[in-house]
PDB file of N, CA and C in Angstrom:
ATOM      1  N   MET A   1     -16.602   1.134   1.193  1.00  0.00           N
ATOM      2  CA  MET A   1     -15.448   1.988   1.387  1.00  0.00           C
ATOM      3  C   MET A   1     -14.227   1.306   0.790  1.00  0.00           C
ATOM      4  N   CYS A   2     -13.432   2.059   0.072  1.00  0.00           N
ATOM      5  CA  CYS A   2     -12.187   1.550  -0.497  1.00  0.00           C
ATOM      6  C   CYS A   2     -11.035   2.006   0.379  1.00  0.00           C
ATOM      7  N   LEU A   3     -10.062   1.136   0.546  1.00  0.00           N
ATOM      8  CA  LEU A   3      -8.931   1.466   1.392  1.00  0.00           C
ATOM      9  C   LEU A   3      -7.642   1.024   0.723  1.00  0.00           C
ATOM     10  N   GLY A   4      -6.717   1.939   0.572  1.00  0.00           N
ATOM     11  CA  GLY A   4      -5.399   1.614   0.043  1.00  0.00           C
ATOM     12  C   GLY A   4      -4.433   1.423   1.194  1.00  0.00           C
ATOM     13  N   VAL A   5      -3.445   0.569   0.984  1.00  0.00           N
ATOM     14  CA  VAL A   5      -2.469   0.257   2.015  1.00  0.00           C
ATOM     15  C   VAL A   5      -1.065   0.513   1.468  1.00  0.00           C
ATOM     16  N   PRO A   6      -0.242   1.268   2.191  1.00  0.00           N
ATOM     17  CA  PRO A   6       1.134   1.471   1.755  1.00  0.00           C
ATOM     18  C   PRO A   6       1.928   0.174   1.890  1.00  0.00           C
ATOM     19  N   MET A   7       2.678  -0.166   0.851  1.00  0.00           N
ATOM     20  CA  MET A   7       3.518  -1.352   0.881  1.00  0.00           C
ATOM     21  C   MET A   7       4.878  -1.013   0.283  1.00  0.00           C
ATOM     22  N   GLN A   8       5.904  -1.744   0.726  1.00  0.00           N
ATOM     23  CA  GLN A   8       7.251  -1.540   0.211  1.00  0.00           C
ATOM     24  C   GLN A   8       7.579  -2.647  -0.779  1.00  0.00           C
ATOM     25  N   ILE A   9       8.178  -2.256  -1.895  1.00  0.00           N
ATOM     26  CA  ILE A   9       8.545  -3.216  -2.932  1.00  0.00           C
ATOM     27  C   ILE A   9       9.810  -3.969  -2.513  1.00  0.00           C
ATOM     28  N   LEU A  10       9.719  -5.302  -2.544  1.00  0.00           N
ATOM     29  CA  LEU A  10      10.858  -6.154  -2.214  1.00  0.00           C
ATOM     30  C   LEU A  10      11.534  -6.712  -3.458  1.00  0.00           C
ATOM     31  N   ALA A  11      10.745  -6.945  -4.514  1.00  0.00           N
ATOM     32  CA  ALA A  11      11.273  -7.494  -5.762  1.00  0.00           C
ATOM     33  C   ALA A  11      10.337  -7.114  -6.890  1.00  0.00           C
ATOM     34  N   ILE A  12      10.887  -6.974  -8.082  1.00  0.00           N
ATOM     35  CA  ILE A  12      10.090  -6.635  -9.260  1.00  0.00           C
ATOM     36  C   ILE A  12      10.426  -7.627 -10.363  1.00  0.00           C
ATOM     37  N   ASN A  13       9.362  -8.175 -10.986  1.00  0.00           N
ATOM     38  CA  ASN A  13       9.504  -9.077 -12.116  1.00  0.00           C
ATOM     39  C   ASN A  13       8.508  -8.623 -13.173  1.00  0.00           C
ATOM     40  N   GLY A  14       8.965  -7.840 -14.134  1.00  0.00           N
ATOM     41  CA  GLY A  14       8.060  -7.293 -15.142  1.00  0.00           C
ATOM     42  C   GLY A  14       7.107  -6.296 -14.505  1.00  0.00           C
ATOM     43  N   PHE A  15       5.809  -6.581 -14.619  1.00  0.00           N
ATOM     44  CA  PHE A  15       4.793  -5.697 -14.032  1.00  0.00           C
ATOM     45  C   PHE A  15       4.204  -6.268 -12.751  1.00  0.00           C
ATOM     46  N   ILE A  16       4.923  -7.197 -12.118  1.00  0.00           N
ATOM     47  CA  ILE A  16       4.504  -7.761 -10.838  1.00  0.00           C
ATOM     48  C   ILE A  16       5.582  -7.466  -9.808  1.00  0.00           C
ATOM     49  N   ALA A  17       5.152  -6.985  -8.647  1.00  0.00           N
ATOM     50  CA  ALA A  17       6.092  -6.706  -7.562  1.00  0.00           C
ATOM     51  C   ALA A  17       5.725  -7.551  -6.350  1.00  0.00           C
ATOM     52  N   ARG A  18       6.725  -8.018  -5.661  1.00  0.00           N
ATOM     53  CA  ARG A  18       6.534  -8.668  -4.368  1.00  0.00           C
ATOM     54  C   ARG A  18       6.654  -7.548  -3.354  1.00  0.00           C
ATOM     55  N   CYS A  19       5.568  -7.322  -2.582  1.00  0.00           N
ATOM     56  CA  CYS A  19       5.527  -6.196  -1.654  1.00  0.00           C
ATOM     57  C   CYS A  19       5.264  -6.679  -0.240  1.00  0.00           C
ATOM     58  N   GLU A  20       5.650  -5.835   0.735  1.00  0.00           N
ATOM     59  CA  GLU A  20       5.483  -6.163   2.146  1.00  0.00           C
ATOM     60  C   GLU A  20       4.938  -4.963   2.902  1.00  0.00           C
ATOM     61  N   ALA A  21       4.051  -5.263   3.834  1.00  0.00           N
ATOM     62  CA  ALA A  21       3.556  -4.260   4.782  1.00  0.00           C
ATOM     63  C   ALA A  21       3.293  -4.953   6.099  1.00  0.00           C
ATOM     64  N   ARG A  22       4.058  -4.586   7.105  1.00  0.00           N
ATOM     65  CA  ARG A  22       3.880  -5.119   8.448  1.00  0.00           C
ATOM     66  C   ARG A  22       3.883  -6.642   8.492  1.00  0.00           C
ATOM     67  N   GLY A  23       4.781  -7.240   7.752  1.00  0.00           N
ATOM     68  CA  GLY A  23       4.923  -8.690   7.754  1.00  0.00           C
ATOM     69  C   GLY A  23       4.053  -9.420   6.751  1.00  0.00           C
ATOM     70  N   ALA A  24       3.097  -8.739   6.163  1.00  0.00           N
ATOM     71  CA  ALA A  24       2.223  -9.357   5.152  1.00  0.00           C
ATOM     72  C   ALA A  24       2.851  -9.174   3.779  1.00  0.00           C
ATOM     73  N   MET A  25       2.992 -10.279   3.052  1.00  0.00           N
ATOM     74  CA  MET A  25       3.567 -10.245   1.706  1.00  0.00           C
ATOM     75  C   MET A  25       2.458 -10.406   0.676  1.00  0.00           C
ATOM     76  N   ARG A  26       2.558  -9.667  -0.425  1.00  0.00           N
ATOM     77  CA  ARG A  26       1.563  -9.736  -1.496  1.00  0.00           C
ATOM     78  C   ARG A  26       2.247  -9.578  -2.848  1.00  0.00           C
ATOM     79  N   GLU A  27       1.667 -10.227  -3.850  1.00  0.00           N
ATOM     80  CA  GLU A  27       2.040  -9.980  -5.237  1.00  0.00           C
ATOM     81  C   GLU A  27       1.153  -8.830  -5.707  1.00  0.00           C
ATOM     82  N   VAL A  28       1.751  -7.798  -6.263  1.00  0.00           N
ATOM     83  CA  VAL A  28       1.042  -6.573  -6.618  1.00  0.00           C
ATOM     84  C   VAL A  28       1.285  -6.250  -8.087  1.00  0.00           C
ATOM     85  N   SER A  29       0.222  -5.923  -8.793  1.00  0.00           N
ATOM     86  CA  SER A  29       0.340  -5.512 -10.190  1.00  0.00           C
ATOM     87  C   SER A  29       0.841  -4.070 -10.266  1.00  0.00           C
ATOM     88  N   LEU A  30       1.812  -3.847 -11.147  1.00  0.00           N
ATOM     89  CA  LEU A  30       2.350  -2.505 -11.370  1.00  0.00           C
ATOM     90  C   LEU A  30       1.840  -1.892 -12.669  1.00  0.00           C
ATOM     91  N   LEU A  31       0.878  -2.540 -13.313  1.00  0.00           N
ATOM     92  CA  LEU A  31       0.404  -2.076 -14.624  1.00  0.00           C
ATOM     93  C   LEU A  31      -0.092  -0.637 -14.612  1.00  0.00           C
ATOM     94  N   MET A  32      -0.715  -0.205 -13.527  1.00  0.00           N
ATOM     95  CA  MET A  32      -1.251   1.154 -13.477  1.00  0.00           C
ATOM     96  C   MET A  32      -0.158   2.208 -13.304  1.00  0.00           C
ATOM     97  N   LEU A  33       1.066   1.763 -13.017  1.00  0.00           N
ATOM     98  CA  LEU A  33       2.175   2.696 -12.817  1.00  0.00           C
ATOM     99  C   LEU A  33       3.261   2.514 -13.871  1.00  0.00           C
ATOM    100  N   GLN A  34       2.864   2.146 -15.083  1.00  0.00           N
ATOM    101  CA  GLN A  34       3.831   1.901 -16.147  1.00  0.00           C
ATOM    102  C   GLN A  34       4.732   3.099 -16.420  1.00  0.00           C
ATOM    103  N   GLY A  35       4.236   4.307 -16.197  1.00  0.00           N
ATOM    104  CA  GLY A  35       5.023   5.508 -16.466  1.00  0.00           C
ATOM    105  C   GLY A  35       5.962   5.894 -15.338  1.00  0.00           C
ATOM    106  N   GLU A  36       5.863   5.227 -14.196  1.00  0.00           N
ATOM    107  CA  GLU A  36       6.704   5.541 -13.040  1.00  0.00           C
ATOM    108  C   GLU A  36       7.996   4.734 -13.080  1.00  0.00           C
ATOM    109  N   SER A  37       9.047   5.304 -12.557  1.00  0.00           N
ATOM    110  CA  SER A  37      10.299   4.584 -12.372  1.00  0.00           C
ATOM    111  C   SER A  37      10.263   3.955 -10.986  1.00  0.00           C
ATOM    112  N   LEU A  38      10.048   2.648 -10.927  1.00  0.00           N
ATOM    113  CA  LEU A  38       9.947   1.944  -9.651  1.00  0.00           C
ATOM    114  C   LEU A  38      11.132   1.008  -9.469  1.00  0.00           C
ATOM    115  N   VAL A  39      11.665   1.001  -8.248  1.00  0.00           N
ATOM    116  CA  VAL A  39      12.786   0.130  -7.913  1.00  0.00           C
ATOM    117  C   VAL A  39      12.518  -0.514  -6.556  1.00  0.00           C
ATOM    118  N   VAL A  40      13.291  -1.553  -6.252  1.00  0.00           N
ATOM    119  CA  VAL A  40      13.199  -2.214  -4.958  1.00  0.00           C
ATOM    120  C   VAL A  40      13.401  -1.173  -3.860  1.00  0.00           C
ATOM    121  N   ASN A  41      12.608  -1.299  -2.808  1.00  0.00           N
ATOM    122  CA  ASN A  41      12.565  -0.421  -1.623  1.00  0.00           C
ATOM    123  C   ASN A  41      11.665   0.790  -1.803  1.00  0.00           C
ATOM    124  N   ASP A  42      11.131   1.047  -3.000  1.00  0.00           N
ATOM    125  CA  ASP A  42      10.127   2.103  -3.161  1.00  0.00           C
ATOM    126  C   ASP A  42       8.857   1.701  -2.429  1.00  0.00           C
ATOM    127  N   PHE A  43       8.047   2.702  -2.110  1.00  0.00           N
ATOM    128  CA  PHE A  43       6.741   2.470  -1.497  1.00  0.00           C
ATOM    129  C   PHE A  43       5.651   2.778  -2.506  1.00  0.00           C
ATOM    130  N   VAL A  44       4.585   1.980  -2.468  1.00  0.00           N
ATOM    131  CA  VAL A  44       3.430   2.191  -3.331  1.00  0.00           C
ATOM    132  C   VAL A  44       2.153   2.040  -2.516  1.00  0.00           C
ATOM    133  N   MET A  45       1.121   2.753  -2.933  1.00  0.00           N
ATOM    134  CA  MET A  45      -0.208   2.603  -2.332  1.00  0.00           C
ATOM    135  C   MET A  45      -0.900   1.482  -3.093  1.00  0.00           C
ATOM    136  N   VAL A  46      -1.384   0.467  -2.370  1.00  0.00           N
ATOM    137  CA  VAL A  46      -1.959  -0.729  -2.989  1.00  0.00           C
ATOM    138  C   VAL A  46      -3.426  -0.870  -2.613  1.00  0.00           C
ATOM    139  N   HIS A  47      -4.248  -1.139  -3.613  1.00  0.00           N
ATOM    140  CA  HIS A  47      -5.666  -1.435  -3.405  1.00  0.00           C
ATOM    141  C   HIS A  47      -6.047  -2.576  -4.331  1.00  0.00           C
ATOM    142  N   ALA A  48      -6.667  -3.598  -3.782  1.00  0.00           N
ATOM    143  CA  ALA A  48      -7.174  -4.738  -4.553  1.00  0.00           C
ATOM    144  C   ALA A  48      -6.100  -5.352  -5.447  1.00  0.00           C
ATOM    145  N   GLY A  49      -4.875  -5.422  -4.928  1.00  0.00           N
ATOM    146  CA  GLY A  49      -3.802  -6.069  -5.668  1.00  0.00           C
ATOM    147  C   GLY A  49      -3.124  -5.230  -6.724  1.00  0.00           C
ATOM    148  N   HIS A  50      -3.464  -3.940  -6.783  1.00  0.00           N
ATOM    149  CA  HIS A  50      -2.890  -3.042  -7.787  1.00  0.00           C
ATOM    150  C   HIS A  50      -2.210  -1.859  -7.100  1.00  0.00           C
ATOM    151  N   ALA A  51      -0.991  -1.546  -7.531  1.00  0.00           N
ATOM    152  CA  ALA A  51      -0.323  -0.338  -7.054  1.00  0.00           C
ATOM    153  C   ALA A  51      -0.962   0.854  -7.752  1.00  0.00           C
ATOM    154  N   LEU A  52      -1.437   1.811  -6.956  1.00  0.00           N
ATOM    155  CA  LEU A  52      -2.141   2.975  -7.508  1.00  0.00           C
ATOM    156  C   LEU A  52      -1.243   4.193  -7.656  1.00  0.00           C
ATOM    157  N   GLN A  53      -0.264   4.330  -6.766  1.00  0.00           N
ATOM    158  CA  GLN A  53       0.637   5.470  -6.850  1.00  0.00           C
ATOM    159  C   GLN A  53       1.917   5.169  -6.086  1.00  0.00           C
ATOM    160  N   LYS A  54       2.986   5.804  -6.530  1.00  0.00           N
ATOM    161  CA  LYS A  54       4.265   5.741  -5.825  1.00  0.00           C
ATOM    162  C   LYS A  54       4.199   6.756  -4.693  1.00  0.00           C
ATOM    163  N   MET A  55       4.817   6.443  -3.573  1.00  0.00           N
ATOM    164  CA  MET A  55       4.813   7.362  -2.442  1.00  0.00           C
ATOM    165  C   MET A  55       6.178   7.327  -1.753  1.00  0.00           C
ATOM    166  N   THR A  56       6.454   8.360  -0.990  1.00  0.00           N
ATOM    167  CA  THR A  56       7.711   8.407  -0.252  1.00  0.00           C
ATOM    168  C   THR A  56       7.595   7.544   1.004  1.00  0.00           C
ATOM    169  N   GLY A  57       8.718   7.232   1.589  1.00  0.00           N
ATOM    170  CA  GLY A  57       8.710   6.503   2.856  1.00  0.00           C
ATOM    171  C   GLY A  57       7.979   7.280   3.938  1.00  0.00           C
ATOM    172  N   GLN A  58       8.157   8.602   3.942  1.00  0.00           N
ATOM    173  CA  GLN A  58       7.468   9.439   4.941  1.00  0.00           C
ATOM    174  C   GLN A  58       5.954   9.399   4.735  1.00  0.00           C
ATOM    175  N   GLU A  59       5.508   9.458   3.485  1.00  0.00           N
ATOM    176  CA  GLU A  59       4.064   9.370   3.209  1.00  0.00           C
ATOM    177  C   GLU A  59       3.510   8.016   3.657  1.00  0.00           C
ATOM    178  N   ALA A  60       4.268   6.951   3.412  1.00  0.00           N
ATOM    179  CA  ALA A  60       3.831   5.613   3.827  1.00  0.00           C
ATOM    180  C   ALA A  60       3.731   5.543   5.356  1.00  0.00           C
ATOM    181  N   HIS A  61       4.745   6.056   6.040  1.00  0.00           N
ATOM    182  CA  HIS A  61       4.751   6.054   7.502  1.00  0.00           C
ATOM    183  C   HIS A  61       3.578   6.864   8.063  1.00  0.00           C
ATOM    184  N   SER A  62       3.348   8.044   7.511  1.00  0.00           N
ATOM    185  CA  SER A  62       2.233   8.899   7.968  1.00  0.00           C
ATOM    186  C   SER A  62       0.888   8.221   7.737  1.00  0.00           C
ATOM    187  N   THR A  63       0.761   7.549   6.604  1.00  0.00           N
ATOM    188  CA  THR A  63      -0.493   6.849   6.313  1.00  0.00           C
ATOM    189  C   THR A  63      -0.730   5.740   7.325  1.00  0.00           C
ATOM    190  N   TRP A  64       0.316   4.970   7.663  1.00  0.00           N
ATOM    191  CA  TRP A  64       0.162   3.913   8.663  1.00  0.00           C
ATOM    192  C   TRP A  64      -0.191   4.492  10.027  1.00  0.00           C
ATOM    193  N   GLU A  65       0.348   5.653  10.380  1.00  0.00           N
ATOM    194  CA  GLU A  65      -0.024   6.296  11.648  1.00  0.00           C
ATOM    195  C   GLU A  65      -1.512   6.625  11.666  1.00  0.00           C
ATOM    196  N   LEU A  66      -2.020   7.156  10.551  1.00  0.00           N
ATOM    197  CA  LEU A  66      -3.450   7.475  10.468  1.00  0.00           C
ATOM    198  C   LEU A  66      -4.302   6.211  10.518  1.00  0.00           C
ATOM    199  N   LEU A  67      -3.877   5.165   9.820  1.00  0.00           N
ATOM    200  CA  LEU A  67      -4.630   3.901   9.846  1.00  0.00           C
ATOM    201  C   LEU A  67      -4.635   3.312  11.251  1.00  0.00           C
ATOM    202  N   ASP A  68      -3.506   3.363  11.945  1.00  0.00           N
ATOM    203  CA  ASP A  68      -3.443   2.866  13.323  1.00  0.00           C
ATOM    204  C   ASP A  68      -4.398   3.639  14.231  1.00  0.00           C
ATOM    205  N   GLU A  69      -4.433   4.961  14.052  1.00  0.00           N
ATOM    206  CA  GLU A  69      -5.336   5.783  14.858  1.00  0.00           C
ATOM    207  C   GLU A  69      -6.793   5.424  14.570  1.00  0.00           C
ATOM    208  N   LEU A  70      -7.126   5.278  13.308  1.00  0.00           N
ATOM    209  CA  LEU A  70      -8.481   4.913  12.925  1.00  0.00           C
ATOM    210  C   LEU A  70      -8.876   3.559  13.521  1.00  0.00           C
ATOM    211  N   LEU A  71      -7.980   2.594  13.437  1.00  0.00           N
ATOM    212  CA  LEU A  71      -8.276   1.250  13.923  1.00  0.00           C
ATOM    213  C   LEU A  71      -8.312   1.162  15.442  1.00  0.00           C
ATOM    214  N   SER A  72      -7.759   2.145  16.125  1.00  0.00           N
ATOM    215  CA  SER A  72      -7.786   2.131  17.587  1.00  0.00           C
ATOM    216  C   SER A  72      -9.119   2.617  18.138  1.00  0.00           C
ATOM    217  N   HIS A  73      -9.975   3.189  17.309  1.00  0.00           N
ATOM    218  CA  HIS A  73     -11.271   3.700  17.724  1.00  0.00           C
ATOM    219  C   HIS A  73     -12.340   2.636  17.562  1.00  0.00           C
ATOM    220  N   ASP A  74     -13.372   2.745  18.340  1.00  0.00           N
ATOM    221  CA  ASP A  74     -14.523   1.850  18.208  1.00  0.00           C
ATOM    222  C   ASP A  74     -15.307   2.276  16.972  1.00  0.00           C
ATOM    223  N   LEU A  75     -15.353   1.401  15.988  1.00  0.00           N
ATOM    224  CA  LEU A  75     -15.999   1.745  14.721  1.00  0.00           C
ATOM    225  C   LEU A  75     -17.445   1.265  14.631  1.00  0.00           C
ATOM    226  N   ASN A  76     -17.998   0.810  15.765  1.00  0.00           N
ATOM    227  CA  ASN A  76     -19.397   0.397  15.745  1.00  0.00           C
ATOM    228  C   ASN A  76     -20.295   1.609  15.524  1.00  0.00           C
ATOM    229  N   VAL A  77     -21.132   1.526  14.533  1.00  0.00           N
ATOM    230  CA  VAL A  77     -22.024   2.627  14.195  1.00  0.00           C
ATOM    231  C   VAL A  77     -23.432   2.224  14.646  1.00  0.00           C
ATOM    232  N   PRO A  78     -24.026   3.009  15.561  1.00  0.00           N
ATOM    233  CA  PRO A  78     -25.392   2.678  16.010  1.00  0.00           C
ATOM    234  C   PRO A  78     -26.371   2.636  14.838  1.00  0.00           C
ATOM    235  N   GLY A  79     -27.193   1.635  14.813  1.00  0.00           N
ATOM    236  CA  GLY A  79     -28.215   1.523  13.785  1.00  0.00           C
ATOM    237  C   GLY A  79     -27.728   0.967  12.462  1.00  0.00           C
ATOM    238  N   ALA A  80     -26.460   0.623  12.390  1.00  0.00           N
ATOM    239  CA  ALA A  80     -25.937   0.089  11.120  1.00  0.00           C
ATOM    240  C   ALA A  80     -26.167  -1.387  11.006  1.00  0.00           C
TER     241      ALA A  80
END
């Protein structure tokens, strides 16, 4: 299963952004979003160190609500 995580851009240096999500800091590649206008404080969906899409703050917040709900459930699958 692949999972993207919303992160907020704190700094941009070329095609690398310093991003934060819930206290976790990561260096994120912006190469896949070369056509987007990205600035500090924008939100991006990040997977495997790459920003996949720009998103609004509301979309990022809603995604974290869904992830929190998912993580609050018992994910043990019988027979797995």
